[in-house]
Each structure stands twice: as structure tokens, then as C-alpha cells.
């Protein structure tokens, strides 16, 4: 009887090993990150996928039979990209008072997922959304696998300015109560619902993968925005640690990053481009950092805090001011002609007009040059951090504001280019978009590498991403949850 059981087990194992799989990709060069500075390269290998998961990666002569086979000779397989800073609810640059605003918004939301997929983004993280918002995103169209963080603004603070206190619970469900709030305007039960620790617990219960706080007291040198107090930050971080939730912080100025580091947060959601009194003009990213900026950068390195440079923020705020920017042919890969035309109309230019107003006599070019100097500052900090072993994440912050120069997918690709221009080499660039993001957000069991058991979100590239950043715009196929799609499927002309 014992021998019979052993024989049955052997036969069952053998049959499983050679059972028909959903997808087999053969003859590929498989590139999978190991660390930020090390990568695995396997030539002439095959990869099998079943039920949306990677089953085997091998160069054995015996291959499983498959329902679909892709011969990837001369091509490259890499993990699908994660953009860990996206905003999925609103069309970039939308003017809400436009008579066609709702129609435009509906059309945009239906195809936004395809825009990301066209540029190889198979996972997105929205750091200011809800479970319902993510469900809405997923049901509208074919889309990347999406996750959210619970964003915790305070009354009159960044991301909650202009919202009456009695309406905060409706518009900012994870806002945090702070001393001095007009609590007489709401019930005691609602108020207790928004104590710091209670909010973090709700965020975890609702399915978020991180908690987000805001350290922003004003733009540039201004200090006119209410700031979250240290007690709340401490309680949020402590409870998030108990709930195994990473804490992500919105901050872009030297002093705000310093506060974040003292609070032992996990992820810095923006780079340091606001250098306050140390601001510098210039294009050389290799110059030494100013004293205070370098001190904070060294703190980031010492703490090994994940750093999301989000260079797309200043780029897209600048490019909306640049004449004829929308003539860039890349926009025609993701935007329909009607949307490009609307952006060039009087209504579509509303935010561009806002960006160039109030500069106290500077010429148009001087305004653009000043904004570009902020972008250079961000690149210099990234260059310093990466050269010294900082842990870098790909996160485009699409869109960071109502700027039409930040579009889904395309901004992710431009972020990769800008990061590379800042000194992030191609091995590190791949890691930032894959394994680093997976580790930072607790998703490493699902994504980040090409290994058995991982979700089969994979890119098949025509060219080698370890040779050129342009390989990320040379995609043959996107494998999403085990299903292969030609890239052209997601081009705007086919949507």
C-alpha cells in the first residue's frame, strides 16, 4: 500500500510538472533585479504562466505544453513597472466649470488605465484614494493592478485647504483631528473617529497599503499653511508600525524633509527641490549640495529612507508654461485629438495662465528658467543620494496639479528619463521601478522580480533596458495578470 501511494504521488507530481499552462514564453533574455545594484540575466530561457502567476523559469529542454506560445528570440523580459505615486480620479488640467467637463472626465477615466499600460506600468499606487476609488478605477477599463494609501490631512492643512470643518469627514475621510480644531461643529463620535490612531486603524482595515501624511507649510518660502503637529505625527507613525503599514510623507522643502526624518517615516514622497534660502540657479547636477540640503540628504542616507524624487512635478509645472509644448508627438500616443485641441483652447489654458501670473515683473522666459532651476535642484539631490547608496523609487505624481503636461504612463516614462539624466544608472533605474517599489510598499511577494509564484505582470521589450532608457518605450507586449497584449492595443488610436 505504501509503495502504491508513493507511485501515485510521483505520477501526480510528474503530470503537474508537464501540465498544459496558459502561456509559455520561449527563447527570451530574462532580466530580473536582485538589488538596486545587481541584476540577474538569463539568456535563452523560457517562462511559463498559469492562472495569472509565474510557474517556472528555466532553460530545460523539456517545456510544458501551453495554450499560447510566444517566441521571444532576441527580446527581453522584465518585471512590469510600478508607478508608486499616481492620482487616478481626475483628468489632468480639467476645468470643472467647462460645459463639457463631465463628458471629458468620463472619457478620460475610461481609458486612463490603458494609457499606463501603453508605457509598461502594470501596478499603480494612489497615495490619496479609498477602496471605493480603486474599485471604480478597476471597473472602468483594462487597467494596472491598483493600490491605495490613506491620506491624512489636517483641517486647513495641505490637501484640505478651503474645506469647511463640518464637511471634512465627507471629502477627506482619513483627516486627523488636531488641537485647536472647531470640534463643536461636529459630533463627538465623528471627532473620535478622526483621532490619529483610530484613523490609521481604519486605513488598515479598509485595505490600504500605506498611510500618508503631509509636511507642507507653504510653497517656496511661504509659511501660510497649517502644519500637522509632532504629537499627531508620532502617534501616526507608532500606530502604522503596529499595523505594519509604511508611512509615506508629502514633503519637498529642506526643512520639511528634516522633520520627516526625525519622525522615522518610511517613504519620502517627493524629492528636495525647494532649497529655501539656499536656492541656486544652474544646470550642473554634479555640483556640491548646499550645507543644509546636504545635511538632510545625509540624514536620508543614514536612515535608509526610501526616496521618491518625483521629478515630474516641477517638469510638468514648467512645461505647461512652455509655448507649443503640446506639439510633442508623444502626446498623440495617449491623448485623443479632441483633448489636445481642448488643452490649446482658452478654457484648456486656464492653469497655464495661472502659472504665469503673479511673478512681479519677470519675463516669461525668466519664469520658465526659475522653474527649471527647481527641477535641477531636485536632480542634484537625486544624483547625490544615488551615488551614495540611497534607496530610490519610481513615482511620477501624475498629475501633481491640474497641469496637462502630466499624463498617465507618458509621465512615468519621462520620469525614468529624468532620473537617468540625474545619474541613476540603468540597473538602478530598473530596480527603482520594480523591486524597490515592491519592497517599500510591502508587495514583494507579488511583484518586483521574475520568479515562480509572483503575479505574471511582465514586459516583453524589443531592446535591452540595461543598454538604453529608451527600451522602456520599445515595448512589444504587456503581460497583465498572465494575459499577453500587444502594446499597440493600448495606443490611443485603438481605444
Foldseek 3Di string as FASTA:
>chain_A
DVVVVVVVVVVVVVCVQQPAAAEKEFQAFEWFFDFLVDIDTDGGWMWTHHQQFTADIGNDPDDHHYPYYHYQRLWYKYFFFEAEEEDLQAAFLQDPPPPCRVVVGLVCLLQQQLLQVLLRHQEYEYADDFLVVQVSSVPSYPHHHYAYAQEEEEDQAPPHNPPDPLCCCVVRVAYAYDPPDPCVSDDPVSNVCRHLLNSLVVRVVRGHLAYEYEADQDPQQDRNTDGDDPVSLLNNVVSCVVSVHAYEYADAALVSLVSVLVSLGAEDQAFHLRDRPQQDADQDLQDDGDDSLVVSLVSCVVSLHEYEHLLLALVLLLLLLDPPSLVPCVVQQADDPVVSVCCPDPSNNVVNVVSPPDPPDDDSVVSSSSSVSSSSSSLSSLLVNVVSPRHYANHNNQVVHSGNSRGHSVSSLVSLVSNVVSPSALSSSSQRRWVSVCVSSVNNQATRTRDGNHRPFMWIFSDDSNVDSCSSNRTQWTQHSNRIDGSSCSGPVND
